[in-house]
Amino acid sequence: MKLVKLNVNKHDLKKVAGLIYETDAETLNFYFKNKEKAAELIQKLIQADGGSGENTYVTTGDDNQVYGVLVAFKGDEESIKTDLKAYFKNLSFINALKFTLLEISYIFIGVKIDKDDYYLSDVAVDENCRGRGVGTFILEKSLELAREKGCKRAVLDVDLKNEGALRLYKRMGFKIFNKKSIRWFGGEKGVYNMEYWLNQEMKQ
């Protein structure tokens, strides 16, 4: 296996978009009603200039088949302003507004990202590849990327109900340091904020 930057001309963008969708399927379904519609919009953003493709990595084999996806960036590499510009430039006004509301929810419950943090925004493994160490491989490689970028911490958010992902992150050394939730259109949206200190001495 290898982790490489997404190549829009080589990798299966429909599968990549579908995997990103799976990381927040419940909320995306609330806005867009079904996976096909939401994944189609995510794919459009990936392909667009200023979209999330720049920070998207895929785990593949020699045949370029997509086993899993990582969307991650250093704290000083990304801004909500850039994301909003991409939404309104490439999507209809209504769909851009829906993605904007998603961003606002993440502001309230997501981890506070410092400029020298490496934020793992989305980690997903194709259901046909689960149980083969793909998730562990993605996390190991993400920590290598964080070190290469000179980051102090790797941080992520995991849904309160996602027990499988929580077990994996804990096994990899990530620790919960906060729990956040908000009332969200008749339900509750909540996450654990998790961190991995790349050098434990930095925490002192």
C-alpha atoms as a PDB file:
ATOM      1  CA  MET A   1       0.000   0.000   0.000  1.00  0.00           C
ATOM      2  CA  LYS A   2       0.975   3.618  -0.458  1.00  0.00           C
ATOM      3  CA  LEU A   3      -0.472   6.988   0.488  1.00  0.00           C
ATOM      4  CA  VAL A   4      -0.305   9.530  -2.319  1.00  0.00           C
ATOM      5  CA  LYS A   5      -1.859  12.869  -3.133  1.00  0.00           C
ATOM      6  CA  LEU A   6      -5.111  12.572  -4.990  1.00  0.00           C
ATOM      7  CA  ASN A   7      -4.671  12.723  -8.750  1.00  0.00           C
ATOM      8  CA  VAL A   8      -7.966  13.790 -10.320  1.00  0.00           C
ATOM      9  CA  ASN A   9      -6.927  12.243 -13.640  1.00  0.00           C
ATOM     10  CA  LYS A  10      -5.902   8.884 -12.204  1.00  0.00           C
ATOM     11  CA  HIS A  11      -7.982   8.029  -9.149  1.00  0.00           C
ATOM     12  CA  ASP A  12     -11.669   7.169  -8.884  1.00  0.00           C
ATOM     13  CA  LEU A  13     -13.153  10.507  -7.796  1.00  0.00           C
ATOM     14  CA  LYS A  14     -16.628   9.064  -7.357  1.00  0.00           C
ATOM     15  CA  LYS A  15     -15.274   6.596  -4.809  1.00  0.00           C
ATOM     16  CA  VAL A  16     -13.188   9.283  -3.098  1.00  0.00           C
ATOM     17  CA  ALA A  17     -16.221  11.551  -2.785  1.00  0.00           C
ATOM     18  CA  GLY A  18     -18.294   8.654  -1.469  1.00  0.00           C
ATOM     19  CA  LEU A  19     -15.714   7.899   1.207  1.00  0.00           C
ATOM     20  CA  ILE A  20     -15.579  11.546   2.306  1.00  0.00           C
ATOM     21  CA  TYR A  21     -19.364  11.512   2.469  1.00  0.00           C
ATOM     22  CA  GLU A  22     -19.234   8.520   4.842  1.00  0.00           C
ATOM     23  CA  THR A  23     -17.287  10.546   7.417  1.00  0.00           C
ATOM     24  CA  ASP A  24     -20.378  12.692   8.128  1.00  0.00           C
ATOM     25  CA  ALA A  25     -23.185  10.819   6.384  1.00  0.00           C
ATOM     26  CA  GLU A  26     -25.904  11.617   8.911  1.00  0.00           C
ATOM     27  CA  THR A  27     -25.490  15.383   8.655  1.00  0.00           C
ATOM     28  CA  LEU A  28     -25.016  15.374   4.883  1.00  0.00           C
ATOM     29  CA  ASN A  29     -28.167  13.296   4.475  1.00  0.00           C
ATOM     30  CA  PHE A  30     -30.080  15.882   6.503  1.00  0.00           C
ATOM     31  CA  TYR A  31     -29.126  18.574   3.984  1.00  0.00           C
ATOM     32  CA  PHE A  32     -28.954  16.666   0.707  1.00  0.00           C
ATOM     33  CA  LYS A  33     -31.362  13.735   1.352  1.00  0.00           C
ATOM     34  CA  ASN A  34     -29.190  10.993  -0.155  1.00  0.00           C
ATOM     35  CA  LYS A  35     -25.621   9.834  -0.658  1.00  0.00           C
ATOM     36  CA  GLU A  36     -25.632  10.248  -4.446  1.00  0.00           C
ATOM     37  CA  LYS A  37     -26.507  13.952  -4.311  1.00  0.00           C
ATOM     38  CA  ALA A  38     -24.076  14.744  -1.503  1.00  0.00           C
ATOM     39  CA  ALA A  39     -21.228  12.755  -3.049  1.00  0.00           C
ATOM     40  CA  GLU A  40     -21.807  14.440  -6.418  1.00  0.00           C
ATOM     41  CA  LEU A  41     -21.354  17.869  -4.796  1.00  0.00           C
ATOM     42  CA  ILE A  42     -18.281  16.737  -2.850  1.00  0.00           C
ATOM     43  CA  GLN A  43     -16.758  15.459  -6.090  1.00  0.00           C
ATOM     44  CA  LYS A  44     -17.433  18.795  -7.744  1.00  0.00           C
ATOM     45  CA  LEU A  45     -15.600  20.602  -4.938  1.00  0.00           C
ATOM     46  CA  ILE A  46     -12.646  18.207  -5.142  1.00  0.00           C
ATOM     47  CA  GLN A  47     -12.285  18.880  -8.847  1.00  0.00           C
ATOM     48  CA  ALA A  48     -12.669  22.641  -8.549  1.00  0.00           C
ATOM     49  CA  ASP A  49      -9.854  25.132  -8.090  1.00  0.00           C
ATOM     50  CA  GLY A  50      -9.687  26.053  -4.433  1.00  0.00           C
ATOM     51  CA  GLY A  51     -11.522  22.860  -3.505  1.00  0.00           C
ATOM     52  CA  SER A  52     -10.416  20.212  -1.049  1.00  0.00           C
ATOM     53  CA  GLY A  53      -8.431  18.189  -3.604  1.00  0.00           C
ATOM     54  CA  GLU A  54      -5.142  19.851  -2.630  1.00  0.00           C
ATOM     55  CA  ASN A  55      -5.322  18.362   0.863  1.00  0.00           C
ATOM     56  CA  THR A  56      -6.731  14.989  -0.158  1.00  0.00           C
ATOM     57  CA  TYR A  57      -4.670  11.801  -0.111  1.00  0.00           C
ATOM     58  CA  VAL A  58      -5.616   8.291  -1.162  1.00  0.00           C
ATOM     59  CA  THR A  59      -4.337   4.906  -0.086  1.00  0.00           C
ATOM     60  CA  THR A  60      -3.904   2.677  -3.112  1.00  0.00           C
ATOM     61  CA  GLY A  61      -2.244  -0.438  -4.402  1.00  0.00           C
ATOM     62  CA  ASP A  62      -0.188  -0.790  -7.560  1.00  0.00           C
ATOM     63  CA  ASP A  63      -3.369  -0.666  -9.659  1.00  0.00           C
ATOM     64  CA  ASN A  64      -4.351   2.793  -8.292  1.00  0.00           C
ATOM     65  CA  GLN A  65      -7.515   1.322  -6.779  1.00  0.00           C
ATOM     66  CA  VAL A  66      -8.667   3.512  -3.873  1.00  0.00           C
ATOM     67  CA  TYR A  67      -8.627   1.665  -0.538  1.00  0.00           C
ATOM     68  CA  GLY A  68      -9.055   4.683   1.706  1.00  0.00           C
ATOM     69  CA  VAL A  69      -8.963   8.467   1.927  1.00  0.00           C
ATOM     70  CA  LEU A  70      -7.287  11.084   4.110  1.00  0.00           C
ATOM     71  CA  VAL A  71      -8.144  14.793   4.024  1.00  0.00           C
ATOM     72  CA  ALA A  72      -5.680  16.681   6.226  1.00  0.00           C
ATOM     73  CA  PHE A  73      -3.892  20.005   6.496  1.00  0.00           C
ATOM     74  CA  LYS A  74      -1.644  22.061   8.722  1.00  0.00           C
ATOM     75  CA  GLY A  75      -3.396  24.744  10.751  1.00  0.00           C
ATOM     76  CA  ASP A  76      -1.823  27.622   8.811  1.00  0.00           C
ATOM     77  CA  GLU A  77      -2.650  26.078   5.411  1.00  0.00           C
ATOM     78  CA  GLU A  78      -6.436  26.244   5.525  1.00  0.00           C
ATOM     79  CA  SER A  79      -9.086  28.840   6.285  1.00  0.00           C
ATOM     80  CA  ILE A  80     -12.870  28.874   6.353  1.00  0.00           C
ATOM     81  CA  LYS A  81     -12.743  31.902   4.053  1.00  0.00           C
ATOM     82  CA  THR A  82     -11.089  29.778   1.354  1.00  0.00           C
ATOM     83  CA  ASP A  83     -13.677  27.029   1.802  1.00  0.00           C
ATOM     84  CA  LEU A  84     -16.618  29.428   1.570  1.00  0.00           C
ATOM     85  CA  LYS A  85     -15.209  31.008  -1.570  1.00  0.00           C
ATOM     86  CA  ALA A  86     -14.973  27.546  -3.167  1.00  0.00           C
ATOM     87  CA  TYR A  87     -18.556  26.709  -2.180  1.00  0.00           C
ATOM     88  CA  PHE A  88     -20.088  29.850  -3.670  1.00  0.00           C
ATOM     89  CA  LYS A  89     -17.890  29.772  -6.758  1.00  0.00           C
ATOM     90  CA  ASN A  90     -18.607  26.168  -7.722  1.00  0.00           C
ATOM     91  CA  LEU A  91     -22.038  25.277  -6.318  1.00  0.00           C
ATOM     92  CA  SER A  92     -25.531  26.692  -6.545  1.00  0.00           C
ATOM     93  CA  PHE A  93     -26.361  29.304  -3.929  1.00  0.00           C
ATOM     94  CA  ILE A  94     -28.592  26.912  -1.956  1.00  0.00           C
ATOM     95  CA  ASN A  95     -26.005  24.114  -1.898  1.00  0.00           C
ATOM     96  CA  ALA A  96     -23.229  26.544  -1.025  1.00  0.00           C
ATOM     97  CA  LEU A  97     -25.355  27.792   1.861  1.00  0.00           C
ATOM     98  CA  LYS A  98     -25.864  24.242   3.115  1.00  0.00           C
ATOM     99  CA  PHE A  99     -22.118  23.578   3.122  1.00  0.00           C
ATOM    100  CA  THR A 100     -21.634  26.907   4.909  1.00  0.00           C
ATOM    101  CA  LEU A 101     -24.006  25.782   7.664  1.00  0.00           C
ATOM    102  CA  LEU A 102     -21.951  22.612   7.960  1.00  0.00           C
ATOM    103  CA  GLU A 103     -18.805  24.690   8.402  1.00  0.00           C
ATOM    104  CA  ILE A 104     -20.504  26.724  11.129  1.00  0.00           C
ATOM    105  CA  SER A 105     -21.420  23.560  13.038  1.00  0.00           C
ATOM    106  CA  TYR A 106     -17.793  22.397  12.860  1.00  0.00           C
ATOM    107  CA  ILE A 107     -16.649  25.720  14.323  1.00  0.00           C
ATOM    108  CA  PHE A 108     -18.741  25.065  17.417  1.00  0.00           C
ATOM    109  CA  ILE A 109     -17.880  21.405  17.979  1.00  0.00           C
ATOM    110  CA  GLY A 110     -14.619  20.853  16.120  1.00  0.00           C
ATOM    111  CA  VAL A 111     -11.197  20.945  17.703  1.00  0.00           C
ATOM    112  CA  LYS A 112      -9.528  24.359  17.853  1.00  0.00           C
ATOM    113  CA  ILE A 113      -6.714  24.100  15.311  1.00  0.00           C
ATOM    114  CA  ASP A 114      -3.462  25.906  16.087  1.00  0.00           C
ATOM    115  CA  LYS A 115      -1.149  26.968  13.267  1.00  0.00           C
ATOM    116  CA  ASP A 116       1.333  24.174  14.017  1.00  0.00           C
ATOM    117  CA  ASP A 117      -1.310  21.452  14.353  1.00  0.00           C
ATOM    118  CA  TYR A 118      -1.960  18.856  11.667  1.00  0.00           C
ATOM    119  CA  TYR A 119      -5.718  18.384  11.397  1.00  0.00           C
ATOM    120  CA  LEU A 120      -7.079  15.072  10.143  1.00  0.00           C
ATOM    121  CA  SER A 121     -10.362  16.319   8.744  1.00  0.00           C
ATOM    122  CA  ASP A 122     -11.530  13.064   7.116  1.00  0.00           C
ATOM    123  CA  VAL A 123     -10.274   9.491   7.463  1.00  0.00           C
ATOM    124  CA  ALA A 124     -12.232   6.784   5.655  1.00  0.00           C
ATOM    125  CA  VAL A 125     -11.685   3.208   4.474  1.00  0.00           C
ATOM    126  CA  ASP A 126     -13.598   1.487   1.689  1.00  0.00           C
ATOM    127  CA  GLU A 127     -15.942  -1.092   3.239  1.00  0.00           C
ATOM    128  CA  ASN A 128     -14.463  -3.842   1.051  1.00  0.00           C
ATOM    129  CA  CYS A 129     -10.987  -3.122   2.451  1.00  0.00           C
ATOM    130  CA  ARG A 130     -11.804  -2.998   6.155  1.00  0.00           C
ATOM    131  CA  GLY A 131      -9.986  -5.376   8.480  1.00  0.00           C
ATOM    132  CA  ARG A 132      -6.862  -5.254   6.308  1.00  0.00           C
ATOM    133  CA  GLY A 133      -4.950  -2.578   8.213  1.00  0.00           C
ATOM    134  CA  VAL A 134      -5.821   0.262   5.846  1.00  0.00           C
ATOM    135  CA  GLY A 135      -7.035   2.582   8.619  1.00  0.00           C
ATOM    136  CA  THR A 136      -3.902   1.957  10.676  1.00  0.00           C
ATOM    137  CA  PHE A 137      -1.742   2.580   7.600  1.00  0.00           C
ATOM    138  CA  ILE A 138      -3.480   5.898   6.878  1.00  0.00           C
ATOM    139  CA  LEU A 139      -2.980   7.090  10.444  1.00  0.00           C
ATOM    140  CA  GLU A 140       0.682   6.057  10.489  1.00  0.00           C
ATOM    141  CA  LYS A 141       1.279   7.949   7.256  1.00  0.00           C
ATOM    142  CA  SER A 142      -0.654  10.977   8.491  1.00  0.00           C
ATOM    143  CA  LEU A 143       1.655  11.198  11.506  1.00  0.00           C
ATOM    144  CA  GLU A 144       4.650  11.027   9.160  1.00  0.00           C
ATOM    145  CA  LEU A 145       3.185  13.898   7.127  1.00  0.00           C
ATOM    146  CA  ALA A 146       2.632  15.889  10.317  1.00  0.00           C
ATOM    147  CA  ARG A 147       6.275  15.437  11.327  1.00  0.00           C
ATOM    148  CA  GLU A 148       7.491  16.402   7.840  1.00  0.00           C
ATOM    149  CA  LYS A 149       5.502  19.630   8.113  1.00  0.00           C
ATOM    150  CA  GLY A 150       7.062  20.422  11.505  1.00  0.00           C
ATOM    151  CA  CYS A 151       3.800  20.075  13.428  1.00  0.00           C
ATOM    152  CA  LYS A 152       3.595  19.605  17.178  1.00  0.00           C
ATOM    153  CA  ARG A 153       0.244  17.798  17.289  1.00  0.00           C
ATOM    154  CA  ALA A 154      -2.025  15.747  15.113  1.00  0.00           C
ATOM    155  CA  VAL A 155      -5.657  16.456  15.964  1.00  0.00           C
ATOM    156  CA  LEU A 156      -9.012  15.110  14.833  1.00  0.00           C
ATOM    157  CA  ASP A 157     -12.696  14.886  15.693  1.00  0.00           C
ATOM    158  CA  VAL A 158     -14.588  11.625  15.989  1.00  0.00           C
ATOM    159  CA  ASP A 159     -18.367  11.336  16.192  1.00  0.00           C
ATOM    160  CA  LEU A 160     -19.612  10.347  19.636  1.00  0.00           C
ATOM    161  CA  LYS A 161     -21.401   7.342  18.099  1.00  0.00           C
ATOM    162  CA  ASN A 162     -18.461   6.074  16.020  1.00  0.00           C
ATOM    163  CA  GLU A 163     -17.101   3.490  18.447  1.00  0.00           C
ATOM    164  CA  GLY A 164     -15.068   1.651  15.819  1.00  0.00           C
ATOM    165  CA  ALA A 165     -13.111   4.757  14.795  1.00  0.00           C
ATOM    166  CA  LEU A 166     -12.673   5.753  18.440  1.00  0.00           C
ATOM    167  CA  ARG A 167     -11.091   2.379  19.238  1.00  0.00           C
ATOM    168  CA  LEU A 168      -8.712   2.710  16.270  1.00  0.00           C
ATOM    169  CA  TYR A 169      -7.623   6.232  17.215  1.00  0.00           C
ATOM    170  CA  LYS A 170      -7.013   5.223  20.827  1.00  0.00           C
ATOM    171  CA  ARG A 171      -5.013   2.205  19.708  1.00  0.00           C
ATOM    172  CA  MET A 172      -2.861   4.530  17.603  1.00  0.00           C
ATOM    173  CA  GLY A 173      -2.138   6.740  20.619  1.00  0.00           C
ATOM    174  CA  PHE A 174      -4.673   9.541  20.149  1.00  0.00           C
ATOM    175  CA  LYS A 175      -6.210  10.765  23.393  1.00  0.00           C
ATOM    176  CA  ILE A 176      -9.553  12.459  24.056  1.00  0.00           C
ATOM    177  CA  PHE A 177      -9.052  15.928  25.516  1.00  0.00           C
ATOM    178  CA  ASN A 178     -12.528  17.385  25.024  1.00  0.00           C
ATOM    179  CA  LYS A 179     -16.114  16.451  24.291  1.00  0.00           C
ATOM    180  CA  LYS A 180     -18.464  18.822  22.507  1.00  0.00           C
ATOM    181  CA  SER A 181     -22.043  18.662  21.316  1.00  0.00           C
ATOM    182  CA  ILE A 182     -24.756  21.018  20.112  1.00  0.00           C
ATOM    183  CA  ARG A 183     -28.466  20.746  19.499  1.00  0.00           C
ATOM    184  CA  TRP A 184     -28.793  20.350  15.754  1.00  0.00           C
ATOM    185  CA  PHE A 185     -32.178  20.551  14.034  1.00  0.00           C
ATOM    186  CA  GLY A 186     -34.046  18.388  16.516  1.00  0.00           C
ATOM    187  CA  GLY A 187     -31.117  16.118  17.295  1.00  0.00           C
ATOM    188  CA  GLU A 188     -27.656  16.241  18.781  1.00  0.00           C
ATOM    189  CA  LYS A 189     -24.394  16.560  16.891  1.00  0.00           C
ATOM    190  CA  GLY A 190     -21.327  15.802  18.951  1.00  0.00           C
ATOM    191  CA  VAL A 191     -17.696  14.764  18.758  1.00  0.00           C
ATOM    192  CA  TYR A 192     -14.705  13.868  20.826  1.00  0.00           C
ATOM    193  CA  ASN A 193     -11.734  16.163  20.159  1.00  0.00           C
ATOM    194  CA  MET A 194      -8.605  13.984  20.080  1.00  0.00           C
ATOM    195  CA  GLU A 195      -4.891  14.747  19.939  1.00  0.00           C
ATOM    196  CA  TYR A 196      -1.588  13.001  19.367  1.00  0.00           C
ATOM    197  CA  TRP A 197       1.525  14.832  20.536  1.00  0.00           C
ATOM    198  CA  LEU A 198       4.273  14.119  18.016  1.00  0.00           C
ATOM    199  CA  ASN A 199       6.919  14.718  20.653  1.00  0.00           C
ATOM    200  CA  GLN A 200       5.702  14.220  24.202  1.00  0.00           C
ATOM    201  CA  GLU A 201       8.299  16.731  25.442  1.00  0.00           C
ATOM    202  CA  MET A 202       6.473  19.451  23.509  1.00  0.00           C
ATOM    203  CA  LYS A 203       3.488  18.994  25.759  1.00  0.00           C
ATOM    204  CA  GLN A 204       5.457  20.037  28.834  1.00  0.00           C
END
